[in-house]
Amino acid sequence: MFKVIAHSDDVSNNYVDNLVKKAHLDQDRYIVFQRDASMMKVLPCWNGIIIENKLRSFLKNICNYKGLEKFINLNRNSKYHQLEVDWTSTFSCLNCDINNNETSVSSSKMKAQK
């Protein structure tokens, strides 16, 4: 962290510098929320970690991931758990129009249409 000497006589800059120093030294102790913090009576946590993004979207993502995990772990999908895929052959078939170490705009457009 570097302090710009040219701004050392600015009261607002000194105030912000002190806030940054405090936050930098105590960054593992607390998280400062910029908006809606005064309205929150309880901070939402998941597995001991404070949820910083929107709670509704967080819960939606968790439910989606759990549903996907349940679907993948069904007995009827067990044959897909251990697939022996030859990725070299797969990518050579997909990239048959260009060399493996090249990229091409026209090739990307063609593959986007498939």
N, C-alpha and C. Protein backbone atom coordinates (compact mmCIF):
# COMPACT_ATOMS: atom_id res chain seq x y z
N MET A 1 0.85 -1.16 0.00
CA MET A 1 0.00 0.00 0.00
C MET A 1 0.91 1.23 0.00
N PHE A 2 0.64 2.17 -0.92
CA PHE A 2 1.45 3.37 -1.05
C PHE A 2 0.60 4.60 -0.84
N LYS A 3 1.15 5.57 -0.15
CA LYS A 3 0.46 6.83 0.07
C LYS A 3 1.03 7.87 -0.89
N VAL A 4 0.16 8.61 -1.55
CA VAL A 4 0.59 9.67 -2.46
C VAL A 4 0.84 10.92 -1.63
N ILE A 5 2.08 11.41 -1.66
CA ILE A 5 2.47 12.55 -0.83
C ILE A 5 1.73 13.82 -1.24
N ALA A 6 1.40 13.96 -2.51
CA ALA A 6 0.75 15.18 -3.00
C ALA A 6 -0.59 15.43 -2.34
N HIS A 7 -1.24 14.40 -1.82
CA HIS A 7 -2.56 14.55 -1.22
C HIS A 7 -2.51 14.51 0.31
N SER A 8 -1.35 14.66 0.90
CA SER A 8 -1.23 14.49 2.35
C SER A 8 -1.88 15.61 3.15
N ASP A 9 -2.11 16.77 2.54
CA ASP A 9 -2.74 17.86 3.27
C ASP A 9 -4.26 17.90 3.11
N ASP A 10 -4.81 16.95 2.37
CA ASP A 10 -6.25 16.90 2.14
C ASP A 10 -6.91 16.12 3.28
N VAL A 11 -7.84 16.75 3.99
CA VAL A 11 -8.50 16.13 5.14
C VAL A 11 -9.30 14.90 4.72
N SER A 12 -10.02 15.02 3.62
CA SER A 12 -10.83 13.88 3.14
C SER A 12 -9.94 12.72 2.75
N ASN A 13 -8.84 13.01 2.10
CA ASN A 13 -7.92 11.95 1.69
C ASN A 13 -7.31 11.26 2.91
N ASN A 14 -6.95 12.03 3.92
CA ASN A 14 -6.40 11.44 5.15
C ASN A 14 -7.43 10.56 5.85
N TYR A 15 -8.69 10.98 5.84
CA TYR A 15 -9.76 10.18 6.44
C TYR A 15 -9.91 8.84 5.71
N VAL A 16 -9.91 8.90 4.38
CA VAL A 16 -10.03 7.68 3.58
C VAL A 16 -8.81 6.78 3.78
N ASP A 17 -7.63 7.38 3.86
CA ASP A 17 -6.42 6.59 4.11
C ASP A 17 -6.51 5.83 5.43
N ASN A 18 -7.02 6.49 6.46
CA ASN A 18 -7.17 5.82 7.75
C ASN A 18 -8.18 4.68 7.67
N LEU A 19 -9.27 4.88 6.95
CA LEU A 19 -10.26 3.81 6.78
C LEU A 19 -9.66 2.62 6.04
N VAL A 20 -8.89 2.91 5.01
CA VAL A 20 -8.27 1.83 4.23
C VAL A 20 -7.28 1.06 5.08
N LYS A 21 -6.48 1.77 5.86
CA LYS A 21 -5.50 1.09 6.73
C LYS A 21 -6.20 0.19 7.73
N LYS A 22 -7.27 0.69 8.35
CA LYS A 22 -8.01 -0.12 9.32
C LYS A 22 -8.62 -1.35 8.65
N ALA A 23 -9.23 -1.15 7.50
CA ALA A 23 -9.86 -2.27 6.79
C ALA A 23 -8.81 -3.27 6.32
N HIS A 24 -7.67 -2.76 5.90
CA HIS A 24 -6.61 -3.65 5.41
C HIS A 24 -6.05 -4.50 6.54
N LEU A 25 -5.87 -3.91 7.71
CA LEU A 25 -5.32 -4.64 8.84
C LEU A 25 -6.33 -5.60 9.46
N ASP A 26 -7.61 -5.26 9.42
CA ASP A 26 -8.66 -6.07 10.03
C ASP A 26 -9.53 -6.77 9.00
N GLN A 27 -9.00 -7.07 7.83
CA GLN A 27 -9.85 -7.58 6.76
C GLN A 27 -10.44 -8.95 7.06
N ASP A 28 -9.81 -9.74 7.91
CA ASP A 28 -10.35 -11.05 8.22
C ASP A 28 -11.38 -11.01 9.35
N ARG A 29 -11.49 -9.89 10.02
CA ARG A 29 -12.39 -9.81 11.17
C ARG A 29 -13.82 -9.47 10.79
N TYR A 30 -13.99 -8.61 9.81
CA TYR A 30 -15.34 -8.20 9.44
C TYR A 30 -15.38 -7.75 7.99
N ILE A 31 -16.59 -7.70 7.47
CA ILE A 31 -16.82 -7.25 6.10
C ILE A 31 -17.73 -6.03 6.17
N VAL A 32 -17.37 -4.97 5.48
CA VAL A 32 -18.17 -3.76 5.48
C VAL A 32 -19.11 -3.80 4.28
N PHE A 33 -20.40 -3.72 4.52
CA PHE A 33 -21.37 -3.68 3.45
C PHE A 33 -21.66 -2.23 3.11
N GLN A 34 -21.61 -1.90 1.84
CA GLN A 34 -21.79 -0.52 1.42
C GLN A 34 -23.26 -0.10 1.41
N ARG A 35 -24.15 -1.00 0.99
CA ARG A 35 -25.55 -0.60 0.93
C ARG A 35 -26.40 -1.57 1.72
N ASP A 36 -27.47 -1.06 2.23
CA ASP A 36 -28.46 -1.83 2.99
C ASP A 36 -27.93 -2.40 4.30
N ALA A 37 -26.73 -2.04 4.71
CA ALA A 37 -26.19 -2.59 5.96
C ALA A 37 -26.94 -2.05 7.17
N SER A 38 -27.37 -0.81 7.10
CA SER A 38 -28.07 -0.24 8.26
C SER A 38 -29.45 -0.85 8.43
N MET A 39 -30.02 -1.38 7.37
CA MET A 39 -31.36 -1.97 7.44
C MET A 39 -31.32 -3.44 7.84
N MET A 40 -30.15 -4.06 7.76
CA MET A 40 -30.05 -5.49 8.04
C MET A 40 -29.93 -5.73 9.54
N LYS A 41 -30.80 -6.57 10.07
CA LYS A 41 -30.73 -6.92 11.48
C LYS A 41 -29.90 -8.18 11.67
N VAL A 42 -29.85 -9.01 10.64
CA VAL A 42 -29.11 -10.26 10.69
C VAL A 42 -28.33 -10.40 9.40
N LEU A 43 -27.08 -10.82 9.49
CA LEU A 43 -26.28 -11.07 8.29
C LEU A 43 -26.43 -12.54 7.91
N PRO A 44 -26.85 -12.83 6.68
CA PRO A 44 -27.02 -14.23 6.27
C PRO A 44 -25.68 -14.92 6.10
N CYS A 45 -25.60 -16.15 6.59
CA CYS A 45 -24.37 -16.95 6.48
C CYS A 45 -24.70 -18.30 5.90
N TRP A 46 -23.73 -18.90 5.23
CA TRP A 46 -23.85 -20.26 4.71
C TRP A 46 -22.55 -20.97 5.02
N ASN A 47 -22.60 -22.02 5.80
CA ASN A 47 -21.42 -22.76 6.24
C ASN A 47 -20.40 -21.83 6.91
N GLY A 48 -20.88 -20.88 7.69
CA GLY A 48 -19.99 -19.98 8.40
C GLY A 48 -19.42 -18.85 7.58
N ILE A 49 -19.87 -18.70 6.33
CA ILE A 49 -19.38 -17.64 5.44
C ILE A 49 -20.51 -16.66 5.22
N ILE A 50 -20.22 -15.37 5.38
CA ILE A 50 -21.24 -14.34 5.16
C ILE A 50 -21.57 -14.25 3.68
N ILE A 51 -22.87 -14.26 3.35
CA ILE A 51 -23.32 -14.15 1.97
C ILE A 51 -23.35 -12.68 1.59
N GLU A 52 -22.49 -12.29 0.64
CA GLU A 52 -22.37 -10.88 0.27
C GLU A 52 -23.25 -10.50 -0.92
N ASN A 53 -23.62 -11.45 -1.75
CA ASN A 53 -24.45 -11.10 -2.91
C ASN A 53 -25.93 -11.21 -2.54
N LYS A 54 -26.79 -11.00 -3.50
CA LYS A 54 -28.23 -11.01 -3.24
C LYS A 54 -28.66 -12.39 -2.75
N LEU A 55 -29.36 -12.40 -1.65
CA LEU A 55 -29.73 -13.65 -0.99
C LEU A 55 -30.64 -14.51 -1.87
N ARG A 56 -31.58 -13.89 -2.57
CA ARG A 56 -32.50 -14.64 -3.42
C ARG A 56 -31.76 -15.38 -4.53
N SER A 57 -30.82 -14.71 -5.20
CA SER A 57 -30.08 -15.37 -6.28
C SER A 57 -29.15 -16.43 -5.71
N PHE A 58 -28.59 -16.20 -4.53
CA PHE A 58 -27.75 -17.21 -3.89
C PHE A 58 -28.54 -18.48 -3.61
N LEU A 59 -29.73 -18.33 -3.02
CA LEU A 59 -30.57 -19.49 -2.72
C LEU A 59 -31.02 -20.20 -3.98
N LYS A 60 -31.33 -19.44 -5.02
CA LYS A 60 -31.72 -20.03 -6.30
C LYS A 60 -30.59 -20.88 -6.87
N ASN A 61 -29.37 -20.36 -6.83
CA ASN A 61 -28.22 -21.12 -7.33
C ASN A 61 -27.98 -22.38 -6.52
N ILE A 62 -28.08 -22.29 -5.20
CA ILE A 62 -27.89 -23.46 -4.34
C ILE A 62 -28.92 -24.54 -4.68
N CYS A 63 -30.19 -24.14 -4.84
CA CYS A 63 -31.24 -25.10 -5.18
C CYS A 63 -30.99 -25.73 -6.55
N ASN A 64 -30.56 -24.93 -7.51
CA ASN A 64 -30.26 -25.47 -8.84
C ASN A 64 -29.11 -26.47 -8.78
N TYR A 65 -28.06 -26.15 -8.03
CA TYR A 65 -26.91 -27.06 -7.92
C TYR A 65 -27.29 -28.35 -7.22
N LYS A 66 -28.11 -28.24 -6.17
CA LYS A 66 -28.55 -29.45 -5.47
C LYS A 66 -29.42 -30.32 -6.36
N GLY A 67 -30.31 -29.69 -7.14
CA GLY A 67 -31.14 -30.45 -8.07
C GLY A 67 -30.32 -31.15 -9.13
N LEU A 68 -29.31 -30.46 -9.67
CA LEU A 68 -28.43 -31.07 -10.66
C LEU A 68 -27.66 -32.23 -10.06
N GLU A 69 -27.18 -32.06 -8.84
CA GLU A 69 -26.44 -33.13 -8.17
C GLU A 69 -27.33 -34.35 -7.94
N LYS A 70 -28.58 -34.13 -7.52
CA LYS A 70 -29.51 -35.25 -7.33
C LYS A 70 -29.77 -35.98 -8.64
N PHE A 71 -29.94 -35.22 -9.73
CA PHE A 71 -30.20 -35.83 -11.03
C PHE A 71 -29.00 -36.65 -11.50
N ILE A 72 -27.82 -36.11 -11.35
CA ILE A 72 -26.62 -36.83 -11.80
C ILE A 72 -26.41 -38.10 -10.98
N ASN A 73 -26.76 -38.07 -9.70
CA ASN A 73 -26.52 -39.22 -8.83
C ASN A 73 -27.64 -40.26 -8.86
N LEU A 74 -28.63 -40.10 -9.73
CA LEU A 74 -29.66 -41.13 -9.87
C LEU A 74 -29.03 -42.41 -10.43
N ASN A 75 -29.60 -43.57 -10.06
CA ASN A 75 -29.05 -44.85 -10.53
C ASN A 75 -29.04 -44.95 -12.05
N ARG A 76 -30.05 -44.40 -12.70
CA ARG A 76 -30.12 -44.50 -14.16
C ARG A 76 -29.00 -43.71 -14.84
N ASN A 77 -28.38 -42.78 -14.14
CA ASN A 77 -27.29 -41.99 -14.71
C ASN A 77 -25.92 -42.48 -14.27
N SER A 78 -25.86 -43.61 -13.57
CA SER A 78 -24.57 -44.09 -13.06
C SER A 78 -23.61 -44.47 -14.18
N LYS A 79 -24.13 -44.85 -15.34
CA LYS A 79 -23.24 -45.21 -16.45
C LYS A 79 -22.47 -44.01 -16.99
N TYR A 80 -22.91 -42.81 -16.67
CA TYR A 80 -22.22 -41.61 -17.16
C TYR A 80 -21.18 -41.08 -16.17
N HIS A 81 -21.07 -41.69 -14.99
CA HIS A 81 -20.12 -41.19 -13.99
C HIS A 81 -18.68 -41.41 -14.42
N GLN A 82 -18.37 -42.55 -14.99
CA GLN A 82 -17.00 -42.89 -15.37
C GLN A 82 -16.93 -43.09 -16.88
N LEU A 83 -16.96 -42.01 -17.63
CA LEU A 83 -16.86 -42.12 -19.08
C LEU A 83 -15.41 -42.12 -19.51
N GLU A 84 -15.07 -43.01 -20.42
CA GLU A 84 -13.74 -43.05 -21.00
C GLU A 84 -13.81 -42.32 -22.34
N VAL A 85 -13.57 -41.03 -22.32
CA VAL A 85 -13.66 -40.20 -23.51
C VAL A 85 -12.26 -39.94 -24.04
N ASP A 86 -12.08 -40.18 -25.31
CA ASP A 86 -10.81 -39.85 -25.97
C ASP A 86 -10.91 -38.40 -26.43
N TRP A 87 -10.46 -37.48 -25.56
CA TRP A 87 -10.62 -36.06 -25.82
C TRP A 87 -9.79 -35.60 -27.01
N THR A 88 -8.65 -36.23 -27.24
CA THR A 88 -7.82 -35.85 -28.39
C THR A 88 -8.56 -36.09 -29.69
N SER A 89 -9.18 -37.26 -29.81
CA SER A 89 -9.95 -37.57 -31.02
C SER A 89 -11.19 -36.69 -31.13
N THR A 90 -11.83 -36.43 -30.01
CA THR A 90 -13.02 -35.59 -30.02
C THR A 90 -12.71 -34.20 -30.53
N PHE A 91 -11.64 -33.59 -29.99
CA PHE A 91 -11.30 -32.24 -30.43
C PHE A 91 -10.75 -32.21 -31.85
N SER A 92 -10.09 -33.29 -32.27
CA SER A 92 -9.62 -33.31 -33.66
C SER A 92 -10.80 -33.38 -34.63
N CYS A 93 -11.86 -34.07 -34.25
CA CYS A 93 -13.07 -34.09 -35.10
C CYS A 93 -13.76 -32.73 -35.11
N LEU A 94 -13.81 -32.08 -33.95
CA LEU A 94 -14.46 -30.78 -33.88
C LEU A 94 -13.65 -29.69 -34.57
N ASN A 95 -12.34 -29.83 -34.57
CA ASN A 95 -11.45 -28.83 -35.16
C ASN A 95 -10.84 -29.31 -36.47
N CYS A 96 -11.58 -30.04 -37.25
CA CYS A 96 -11.02 -30.64 -38.45
C CYS A 96 -10.64 -29.61 -39.51
N ASP A 97 -11.17 -28.39 -39.43
CA ASP A 97 -10.91 -27.40 -40.47
C ASP A 97 -9.68 -26.54 -40.20
N ILE A 98 -9.10 -26.59 -38.97
CA ILE A 98 -7.90 -25.80 -38.67
C ILE A 98 -6.92 -26.64 -37.85
N ASN A 99 -5.69 -26.17 -37.73
CA ASN A 99 -4.69 -26.85 -36.92
C ASN A 99 -5.04 -26.71 -35.44
N ASN A 100 -4.51 -27.61 -34.62
CA ASN A 100 -4.82 -27.61 -33.19
C ASN A 100 -4.32 -26.36 -32.47
N ASN A 101 -3.24 -25.76 -32.97
CA ASN A 101 -2.66 -24.62 -32.26
C ASN A 101 -3.05 -23.29 -32.88
N GLU A 102 -4.11 -23.25 -33.65
CA GLU A 102 -4.56 -22.02 -34.30
C GLU A 102 -6.00 -21.70 -33.90
N THR A 103 -6.34 -20.44 -34.06
CA THR A 103 -7.73 -20.02 -33.91
C THR A 103 -8.13 -19.26 -35.16
N SER A 104 -9.39 -19.29 -35.48
CA SER A 104 -9.87 -18.64 -36.69
C SER A 104 -11.27 -18.11 -36.45
N VAL A 105 -11.50 -16.88 -36.87
CA VAL A 105 -12.83 -16.27 -36.71
C VAL A 105 -13.85 -17.03 -37.55
N SER A 106 -13.49 -17.36 -38.77
CA SER A 106 -14.44 -18.07 -39.63
C SER A 106 -14.76 -19.46 -39.08
N SER A 107 -13.75 -20.13 -38.52
CA SER A 107 -13.99 -21.44 -37.92
C SER A 107 -14.89 -21.33 -36.70
N SER A 108 -14.67 -20.29 -35.89
CA SER A 108 -15.51 -20.09 -34.70
C SER A 108 -16.96 -19.81 -35.09
N LYS A 109 -17.15 -19.01 -36.14
CA LYS A 109 -18.51 -18.72 -36.61
C LYS A 109 -19.19 -19.98 -37.11
N MET A 110 -18.43 -20.81 -37.85
CA MET A 110 -19.00 -22.04 -38.38
C MET A 110 -19.41 -22.97 -37.24
N LYS A 111 -18.58 -23.08 -36.21
CA LYS A 111 -18.89 -23.96 -35.08
C LYS A 111 -20.06 -23.43 -34.26
N ALA A 112 -20.24 -22.12 -34.23
CA ALA A 112 -21.36 -21.53 -33.49
C ALA A 112 -22.68 -21.87 -34.16
N GLN A 113 -22.67 -22.11 -35.46
CA GLN A 113 -23.88 -22.43 -36.21
C GLN A 113 -24.31 -23.88 -36.02
N LYS A 114 -23.42 -24.75 -35.55
CA LYS A 114 -23.74 -26.18 -35.41
C LYS A 114 -24.69 -26.42 -34.27
